[in-house]
Amino acid sequence: EMLDGDNKYLCSFCNQKNDSLKRVCVDSLPNTMILHLKRFEFDLEQMRKVKVNDHYEFPEELNMKPYTKIGVEGGEDTREPGYYDYKLKGVLIHAGTSDSGHYYSIIKERSGNEDWYMFNDANVVPFDASKIAHACYGGLMHTQRW
């Protein structure tokens, strides 16, 4: 986030406001990570809550090292191999508008296989993992015709 204009950073060393780049990094990582996307906002023109349905892709595997203190500052890394690696285990999906809707989830089975299931209230059915993009990314998927 750029801090500039009226939002400049006050430097405690020189006691002056300067343009700055604000960044946040993680010091230590949890065993299980839950990432939440803010998909609702208040529209000041319409004066109401709206659902953000922009297309957003996420990976099935994520290496968090670039977002950690060690990844940003460098230095000696004594963490065990795989410490920074996460694999997607589930997705929570909202169907509806900002004022009403329904949540359901798509979850990978914990046992050794790679089967995915859709949990929608009392209904639990197998889910084709190749359809995660269509079910979860939101917005319009762009395809090219040849």
N, C-alpha and C. Protein backbone atom coordinates (compact mmCIF):
# COMPACT_ATOMS: atom_id res chain seq x y z
N GLU A 1 0.85 -1.17 0.00
CA GLU A 1 0.00 0.00 0.00
C GLU A 1 0.90 1.24 0.00
N MET A 2 0.67 2.14 -0.93
CA MET A 2 1.44 3.38 -0.98
C MET A 2 0.87 4.38 0.02
N LEU A 3 1.73 4.93 0.85
CA LEU A 3 1.36 5.99 1.77
C LEU A 3 1.92 7.28 1.21
N ASP A 4 1.04 8.09 0.63
CA ASP A 4 1.48 9.34 0.02
C ASP A 4 0.37 10.39 0.17
N GLY A 5 0.63 11.58 -0.31
CA GLY A 5 -0.36 12.66 -0.19
C GLY A 5 -0.69 12.93 1.27
N ASP A 6 -1.98 12.96 1.59
CA ASP A 6 -2.42 13.18 2.97
C ASP A 6 -2.15 11.99 3.88
N ASN A 7 -1.77 10.88 3.28
CA ASN A 7 -1.56 9.65 4.02
C ASN A 7 -0.08 9.31 4.16
N LYS A 8 0.81 10.30 4.10
CA LYS A 8 2.25 10.05 4.21
C LYS A 8 2.61 9.50 5.58
N TYR A 9 3.71 8.77 5.61
CA TYR A 9 4.22 8.16 6.85
C TYR A 9 5.07 9.18 7.61
N LEU A 10 4.82 9.30 8.92
CA LEU A 10 5.62 10.18 9.76
C LEU A 10 6.82 9.41 10.27
N CYS A 11 8.00 9.78 9.78
CA CYS A 11 9.25 9.12 10.16
C CYS A 11 9.65 9.57 11.57
N SER A 12 9.86 8.61 12.46
CA SER A 12 10.21 8.95 13.85
C SER A 12 11.66 9.41 13.98
N PHE A 13 12.51 9.11 12.97
CA PHE A 13 13.91 9.54 13.03
C PHE A 13 14.09 10.98 12.59
N CYS A 14 13.48 11.35 11.45
CA CYS A 14 13.67 12.71 10.92
C CYS A 14 12.49 13.61 11.22
N ASN A 15 11.43 13.07 11.82
CA ASN A 15 10.25 13.82 12.20
C ASN A 15 9.62 14.55 11.00
N GLN A 16 9.64 13.89 9.84
CA GLN A 16 9.01 14.44 8.63
C GLN A 16 8.10 13.38 8.02
N LYS A 17 7.09 13.86 7.29
CA LYS A 17 6.21 12.96 6.58
C LYS A 17 6.81 12.66 5.21
N ASN A 18 6.90 11.37 4.88
CA ASN A 18 7.51 10.92 3.63
C ASN A 18 6.59 9.95 2.90
N ASP A 19 6.69 9.93 1.56
CA ASP A 19 6.02 8.89 0.79
C ASP A 19 6.66 7.56 1.19
N SER A 20 5.83 6.55 1.39
CA SER A 20 6.34 5.26 1.84
C SER A 20 5.52 4.13 1.23
N LEU A 21 6.12 2.98 1.20
CA LEU A 21 5.43 1.77 0.79
C LEU A 21 5.23 0.92 2.03
N LYS A 22 3.98 0.68 2.38
CA LYS A 22 3.66 -0.13 3.55
C LYS A 22 3.54 -1.58 3.11
N ARG A 23 4.18 -2.47 3.84
CA ARG A 23 4.07 -3.89 3.55
C ARG A 23 3.90 -4.64 4.86
N VAL A 24 3.30 -5.78 4.76
CA VAL A 24 3.07 -6.64 5.91
C VAL A 24 3.62 -8.01 5.57
N CYS A 25 4.35 -8.60 6.50
CA CYS A 25 4.86 -9.95 6.27
C CYS A 25 4.59 -10.78 7.52
N VAL A 26 4.66 -12.09 7.35
CA VAL A 26 4.35 -13.04 8.40
C VAL A 26 5.64 -13.49 9.08
N ASP A 27 5.63 -13.52 10.40
CA ASP A 27 6.81 -13.94 11.15
C ASP A 27 6.88 -15.46 11.26
N SER A 28 5.77 -16.10 11.60
CA SER A 28 5.73 -17.56 11.68
C SER A 28 4.41 -18.04 11.10
N LEU A 29 4.42 -19.25 10.57
CA LEU A 29 3.25 -19.78 9.87
C LEU A 29 2.53 -20.83 10.70
N PRO A 30 1.21 -20.92 10.56
CA PRO A 30 0.45 -21.94 11.28
C PRO A 30 0.50 -23.29 10.55
N ASN A 31 0.14 -24.35 11.23
CA ASN A 31 0.06 -25.67 10.59
C ASN A 31 -1.04 -25.68 9.52
N THR A 32 -2.14 -25.04 9.82
CA THR A 32 -3.27 -24.94 8.89
C THR A 32 -3.53 -23.47 8.64
N MET A 33 -3.59 -23.08 7.37
CA MET A 33 -3.82 -21.68 7.04
C MET A 33 -5.19 -21.53 6.37
N ILE A 34 -5.95 -20.56 6.85
CA ILE A 34 -7.24 -20.23 6.26
C ILE A 34 -7.12 -18.82 5.69
N LEU A 35 -7.34 -18.69 4.39
CA LEU A 35 -7.30 -17.39 3.73
C LEU A 35 -8.72 -16.98 3.40
N HIS A 36 -9.08 -15.76 3.75
CA HIS A 36 -10.43 -15.26 3.53
C HIS A 36 -10.37 -14.06 2.60
N LEU A 37 -11.12 -14.11 1.52
CA LEU A 37 -11.18 -12.99 0.58
C LEU A 37 -12.38 -12.11 0.94
N LYS A 38 -12.16 -10.83 0.99
CA LYS A 38 -13.25 -9.90 1.25
C LYS A 38 -14.06 -9.78 -0.05
N ARG A 39 -15.23 -10.39 -0.09
CA ARG A 39 -16.04 -10.42 -1.31
C ARG A 39 -17.31 -9.56 -1.19
N PHE A 40 -17.40 -8.75 -0.12
CA PHE A 40 -18.50 -7.82 0.04
C PHE A 40 -17.92 -6.45 0.37
N GLU A 41 -18.56 -5.40 -0.13
CA GLU A 41 -18.11 -4.05 0.18
C GLU A 41 -19.29 -3.11 0.14
N PHE A 42 -19.10 -1.89 0.63
CA PHE A 42 -20.16 -0.89 0.61
C PHE A 42 -19.92 0.04 -0.57
N ASP A 43 -20.91 0.15 -1.44
CA ASP A 43 -20.83 1.01 -2.62
C ASP A 43 -21.37 2.39 -2.24
N LEU A 44 -20.50 3.40 -2.23
CA LEU A 44 -20.90 4.74 -1.82
C LEU A 44 -21.81 5.42 -2.85
N GLU A 45 -21.75 5.01 -4.11
CA GLU A 45 -22.64 5.59 -5.12
C GLU A 45 -24.06 5.04 -4.98
N GLN A 46 -24.16 3.74 -4.71
CA GLN A 46 -25.47 3.13 -4.55
C GLN A 46 -25.96 3.15 -3.11
N MET A 47 -25.04 3.48 -2.18
CA MET A 47 -25.33 3.52 -0.75
C MET A 47 -25.91 2.19 -0.25
N ARG A 48 -25.25 1.10 -0.65
CA ARG A 48 -25.66 -0.22 -0.19
C ARG A 48 -24.50 -1.20 -0.31
N LYS A 49 -24.64 -2.33 0.38
CA LYS A 49 -23.65 -3.40 0.28
C LYS A 49 -23.77 -4.06 -1.08
N VAL A 50 -22.64 -4.44 -1.65
CA VAL A 50 -22.64 -5.17 -2.91
C VAL A 50 -21.66 -6.35 -2.80
N LYS A 51 -21.97 -7.37 -3.56
CA LYS A 51 -21.09 -8.53 -3.59
C LYS A 51 -20.05 -8.31 -4.68
N VAL A 52 -18.78 -8.55 -4.34
CA VAL A 52 -17.69 -8.44 -5.32
C VAL A 52 -17.57 -9.81 -5.98
N ASN A 53 -17.82 -9.85 -7.27
CA ASN A 53 -17.77 -11.13 -7.98
C ASN A 53 -16.70 -11.12 -9.06
N ASP A 54 -15.64 -10.34 -8.83
CA ASP A 54 -14.52 -10.31 -9.78
C ASP A 54 -13.87 -11.69 -9.86
N HIS A 55 -13.36 -11.99 -11.04
CA HIS A 55 -12.66 -13.27 -11.24
C HIS A 55 -11.37 -13.25 -10.41
N TYR A 56 -11.19 -14.26 -9.58
CA TYR A 56 -9.99 -14.35 -8.75
C TYR A 56 -9.54 -15.81 -8.72
N GLU A 57 -8.36 -16.07 -9.21
CA GLU A 57 -7.81 -17.42 -9.24
C GLU A 57 -6.89 -17.63 -8.04
N PHE A 58 -6.89 -18.85 -7.53
CA PHE A 58 -5.98 -19.22 -6.44
C PHE A 58 -5.35 -20.56 -6.78
N PRO A 59 -4.13 -20.78 -6.32
CA PRO A 59 -3.42 -22.01 -6.68
C PRO A 59 -3.84 -23.19 -5.80
N GLU A 60 -3.58 -24.39 -6.29
CA GLU A 60 -3.82 -25.58 -5.47
C GLU A 60 -2.67 -25.78 -4.49
N GLU A 61 -1.49 -25.27 -4.83
CA GLU A 61 -0.36 -25.31 -3.92
C GLU A 61 0.19 -23.89 -3.76
N LEU A 62 0.60 -23.55 -2.53
CA LEU A 62 1.06 -22.20 -2.23
C LEU A 62 2.31 -22.26 -1.37
N ASN A 63 3.36 -21.59 -1.81
CA ASN A 63 4.57 -21.45 -1.02
C ASN A 63 4.54 -20.05 -0.41
N MET A 64 4.51 -19.98 0.92
CA MET A 64 4.36 -18.71 1.62
C MET A 64 5.68 -18.01 1.93
N LYS A 65 6.80 -18.61 1.57
CA LYS A 65 8.09 -18.01 1.92
C LYS A 65 8.24 -16.56 1.45
N PRO A 66 7.82 -16.20 0.22
CA PRO A 66 7.98 -14.80 -0.20
C PRO A 66 7.19 -13.80 0.66
N TYR A 67 6.24 -14.28 1.46
CA TYR A 67 5.39 -13.41 2.27
C TYR A 67 5.78 -13.42 3.74
N THR A 68 6.90 -14.05 4.05
CA THR A 68 7.37 -14.12 5.43
C THR A 68 8.52 -13.15 5.66
N LYS A 69 8.83 -12.94 6.92
CA LYS A 69 9.93 -12.04 7.28
C LYS A 69 11.25 -12.52 6.68
N ILE A 70 11.50 -13.83 6.75
CA ILE A 70 12.74 -14.39 6.18
C ILE A 70 12.74 -14.21 4.66
N GLY A 71 11.60 -14.41 4.03
CA GLY A 71 11.52 -14.27 2.58
C GLY A 71 11.73 -12.85 2.11
N VAL A 72 11.30 -11.88 2.91
CA VAL A 72 11.44 -10.47 2.55
C VAL A 72 12.84 -9.96 2.87
N GLU A 73 13.32 -10.26 4.08
CA GLU A 73 14.60 -9.72 4.53
C GLU A 73 15.79 -10.58 4.15
N GLY A 74 15.55 -11.84 3.83
CA GLY A 74 16.67 -12.75 3.57
C GLY A 74 17.25 -13.25 4.87
N GLY A 75 18.44 -13.70 4.84
CA GLY A 75 19.08 -14.21 6.06
C GLY A 75 19.01 -15.73 6.12
N GLU A 76 19.60 -16.28 7.18
CA GLU A 76 19.68 -17.73 7.33
C GLU A 76 18.30 -18.30 7.65
N ASP A 77 17.95 -19.36 6.94
CA ASP A 77 16.66 -20.01 7.13
C ASP A 77 16.88 -21.39 7.73
N THR A 78 16.47 -21.58 8.98
CA THR A 78 16.67 -22.85 9.67
C THR A 78 15.41 -23.70 9.68
N ARG A 79 14.39 -23.30 8.96
CA ARG A 79 13.13 -24.06 8.93
C ARG A 79 13.31 -25.37 8.17
N GLU A 80 12.51 -26.35 8.55
CA GLU A 80 12.59 -27.65 7.88
C GLU A 80 11.98 -27.55 6.48
N PRO A 81 12.42 -28.41 5.56
CA PRO A 81 11.86 -28.38 4.20
C PRO A 81 10.35 -28.59 4.25
N GLY A 82 9.63 -27.85 3.44
CA GLY A 82 8.18 -27.96 3.41
C GLY A 82 7.46 -27.05 4.37
N TYR A 83 8.20 -26.36 5.25
CA TYR A 83 7.57 -25.47 6.24
C TYR A 83 6.68 -24.42 5.59
N TYR A 84 7.07 -23.91 4.46
CA TYR A 84 6.35 -22.81 3.81
C TYR A 84 5.26 -23.28 2.84
N ASP A 85 5.16 -24.59 2.63
CA ASP A 85 4.27 -25.13 1.59
C ASP A 85 2.90 -25.52 2.14
N TYR A 86 1.87 -25.10 1.41
CA TYR A 86 0.49 -25.43 1.76
C TYR A 86 -0.20 -26.01 0.53
N LYS A 87 -1.12 -26.95 0.76
CA LYS A 87 -1.93 -27.53 -0.31
C LYS A 87 -3.39 -27.23 -0.02
N LEU A 88 -4.11 -26.88 -1.06
CA LEU A 88 -5.53 -26.57 -0.93
C LEU A 88 -6.29 -27.80 -0.45
N LYS A 89 -7.07 -27.62 0.61
CA LYS A 89 -7.86 -28.71 1.18
C LYS A 89 -9.36 -28.45 1.08
N GLY A 90 -9.75 -27.20 0.88
CA GLY A 90 -11.17 -26.91 0.80
C GLY A 90 -11.43 -25.47 0.41
N VAL A 91 -12.67 -25.24 -0.04
CA VAL A 91 -13.10 -23.90 -0.43
C VAL A 91 -14.52 -23.69 0.08
N LEU A 92 -14.77 -22.56 0.70
CA LEU A 92 -16.11 -22.17 1.11
C LEU A 92 -16.66 -21.21 0.07
N ILE A 93 -17.86 -21.47 -0.41
CA ILE A 93 -18.44 -20.70 -1.52
C ILE A 93 -19.74 -20.06 -1.08
N HIS A 94 -19.94 -18.80 -1.46
CA HIS A 94 -21.20 -18.10 -1.20
C HIS A 94 -21.96 -17.97 -2.52
N ALA A 95 -23.19 -18.43 -2.53
CA ALA A 95 -24.07 -18.26 -3.68
C ALA A 95 -25.17 -17.28 -3.27
N GLY A 96 -25.34 -16.22 -4.03
CA GLY A 96 -26.38 -15.26 -3.70
C GLY A 96 -25.87 -13.84 -3.80
N THR A 97 -26.57 -12.94 -3.12
CA THR A 97 -26.24 -11.52 -3.15
C THR A 97 -25.61 -11.11 -1.82
N SER A 98 -25.32 -9.82 -1.68
CA SER A 98 -24.74 -9.34 -0.43
C SER A 98 -25.75 -9.36 0.71
N ASP A 99 -27.05 -9.38 0.38
CA ASP A 99 -28.09 -9.36 1.41
C ASP A 99 -28.64 -10.74 1.76
N SER A 100 -28.47 -11.68 0.87
CA SER A 100 -28.98 -13.02 1.15
C SER A 100 -28.19 -14.03 0.34
N GLY A 101 -28.28 -15.26 0.72
CA GLY A 101 -27.56 -16.28 -0.02
C GLY A 101 -27.37 -17.53 0.81
N HIS A 102 -26.47 -18.34 0.34
CA HIS A 102 -26.26 -19.65 0.94
C HIS A 102 -24.78 -20.02 0.81
N TYR A 103 -24.22 -20.62 1.84
CA TYR A 103 -22.84 -21.09 1.81
C TYR A 103 -22.81 -22.60 1.65
N TYR A 104 -21.87 -23.08 0.85
CA TYR A 104 -21.59 -24.51 0.75
C TYR A 104 -20.09 -24.66 0.57
N SER A 105 -19.59 -25.87 0.69
CA SER A 105 -18.15 -26.05 0.62
C SER A 105 -17.76 -27.23 -0.26
N ILE A 106 -16.54 -27.14 -0.76
CA ILE A 106 -15.92 -28.21 -1.54
C ILE A 106 -14.65 -28.59 -0.77
N ILE A 107 -14.55 -29.87 -0.41
CA ILE A 107 -13.47 -30.29 0.48
C ILE A 107 -12.80 -31.56 -0.05
N LYS A 108 -11.47 -31.59 0.05
CA LYS A 108 -10.70 -32.78 -0.34
C LYS A 108 -10.69 -33.76 0.83
N GLU A 109 -10.93 -35.02 0.52
CA GLU A 109 -10.92 -36.05 1.55
C GLU A 109 -9.54 -36.14 2.19
N ARG A 110 -9.49 -36.39 3.50
CA ARG A 110 -8.23 -36.42 4.23
C ARG A 110 -7.44 -37.71 4.05
N SER A 111 -8.12 -38.78 3.71
CA SER A 111 -7.39 -40.04 3.55
C SER A 111 -6.46 -39.94 2.35
N GLY A 112 -5.74 -40.99 2.05
CA GLY A 112 -4.70 -40.96 1.03
C GLY A 112 -5.14 -40.62 -0.38
N ASN A 113 -6.43 -40.74 -0.70
CA ASN A 113 -6.83 -40.46 -2.08
C ASN A 113 -7.03 -38.96 -2.32
N GLU A 114 -7.30 -38.60 -3.53
CA GLU A 114 -7.43 -37.19 -3.92
C GLU A 114 -8.87 -36.82 -4.23
N ASP A 115 -9.84 -37.52 -3.66
CA ASP A 115 -11.25 -37.27 -3.95
C ASP A 115 -11.75 -35.99 -3.29
N TRP A 116 -12.56 -35.24 -4.05
CA TRP A 116 -13.17 -34.02 -3.56
C TRP A 116 -14.67 -34.26 -3.41
N TYR A 117 -15.29 -33.57 -2.43
CA TYR A 117 -16.72 -33.69 -2.18
C TYR A 117 -17.33 -32.31 -2.00
N MET A 118 -18.59 -32.17 -2.42
CA MET A 118 -19.33 -30.94 -2.19
C MET A 118 -20.28 -31.19 -1.01
N PHE A 119 -20.16 -30.32 -0.01
CA PHE A 119 -21.01 -30.37 1.17
C PHE A 119 -22.01 -29.23 1.08
N ASN A 120 -23.27 -29.55 0.85
CA ASN A 120 -24.32 -28.55 0.70
C ASN A 120 -25.48 -28.97 1.60
N ASP A 121 -25.49 -28.42 2.80
CA ASP A 121 -26.44 -28.81 3.85
C ASP A 121 -26.33 -30.31 4.08
N ALA A 122 -27.43 -31.04 3.94
CA ALA A 122 -27.40 -32.48 4.21
C ALA A 122 -26.89 -33.28 3.01
N ASN A 123 -26.68 -32.65 1.88
CA ASN A 123 -26.22 -33.34 0.69
C ASN A 123 -24.70 -33.33 0.61
N VAL A 124 -24.12 -34.51 0.49
CA VAL A 124 -22.69 -34.67 0.29
C VAL A 124 -22.53 -35.52 -0.96
N VAL A 125 -21.92 -34.93 -2.00
CA VAL A 125 -21.77 -35.64 -3.27
C VAL A 125 -20.34 -35.48 -3.77
N PRO A 126 -19.86 -36.46 -4.55
CA PRO A 126 -18.52 -36.31 -5.14
C PRO A 126 -18.45 -35.07 -6.02
N PHE A 127 -17.27 -34.47 -6.09
CA PHE A 127 -17.07 -33.26 -6.88
C PHE A 127 -15.85 -33.44 -7.76
N ASP A 128 -15.99 -33.07 -9.02
CA ASP A 128 -14.90 -33.15 -9.99
C ASP A 128 -13.94 -31.98 -9.77
N ALA A 129 -12.71 -32.27 -9.33
CA ALA A 129 -11.75 -31.21 -9.00
C ALA A 129 -11.43 -30.32 -10.19
N SER A 130 -11.60 -30.80 -11.40
CA SER A 130 -11.34 -29.96 -12.58
C SER A 130 -12.36 -28.83 -12.71
N LYS A 131 -13.42 -28.87 -11.93
CA LYS A 131 -14.46 -27.83 -11.99
C LYS A 131 -14.34 -26.81 -10.86
N ILE A 132 -13.25 -26.89 -10.10
CA ILE A 132 -13.06 -25.92 -9.01
C ILE A 132 -13.01 -24.50 -9.56
N ALA A 133 -12.32 -24.28 -10.66
CA ALA A 133 -12.22 -22.93 -11.23
C ALA A 133 -13.61 -22.38 -11.55
N HIS A 134 -14.43 -23.17 -12.18
CA HIS A 134 -15.77 -22.72 -12.56
C HIS A 134 -16.64 -22.44 -11.32
N ALA A 135 -16.51 -23.27 -10.30
CA ALA A 135 -17.34 -23.13 -9.11
C ALA A 135 -16.86 -22.05 -8.15
N CYS A 136 -15.55 -21.74 -8.16
CA CYS A 136 -14.99 -20.93 -7.09
C CYS A 136 -14.38 -19.59 -7.48
N TYR A 137 -13.94 -19.41 -8.72
CA TYR A 137 -13.16 -18.22 -9.05
C TYR A 137 -14.00 -16.97 -9.22
N GLY A 138 -15.29 -17.10 -9.46
CA GLY A 138 -16.15 -15.93 -9.64
C GLY A 138 -15.90 -15.24 -10.95
N GLY A 139 -16.69 -14.21 -11.24
CA GLY A 139 -16.51 -13.43 -12.46
C GLY A 139 -16.68 -14.24 -13.71
N LEU A 140 -16.19 -13.72 -14.79
CA LEU A 140 -16.27 -14.40 -16.07
C LEU A 140 -14.94 -15.04 -16.39
N MET A 141 -14.99 -16.29 -16.78
CA MET A 141 -13.76 -16.96 -17.21
C MET A 141 -13.54 -16.64 -18.67
N HIS A 142 -12.35 -16.21 -19.01
CA HIS A 142 -12.03 -15.85 -20.38
C HIS A 142 -11.45 -17.04 -21.12
N THR A 143 -12.02 -17.34 -22.26
CA THR A 143 -11.49 -18.43 -23.08
C THR A 143 -11.27 -17.90 -24.47
N GLN A 144 -10.33 -18.51 -25.16
CA GLN A 144 -10.05 -18.12 -26.54
C GLN A 144 -10.63 -19.17 -27.46
N ARG A 145 -11.17 -18.71 -28.58
CA ARG A 145 -11.65 -19.62 -29.61
C ARG A 145 -10.65 -19.63 -30.73
N TRP A 146 -10.36 -20.79 -31.26
CA TRP A 146 -9.39 -20.92 -32.34
C TRP A 146 -10.10 -21.21 -33.62
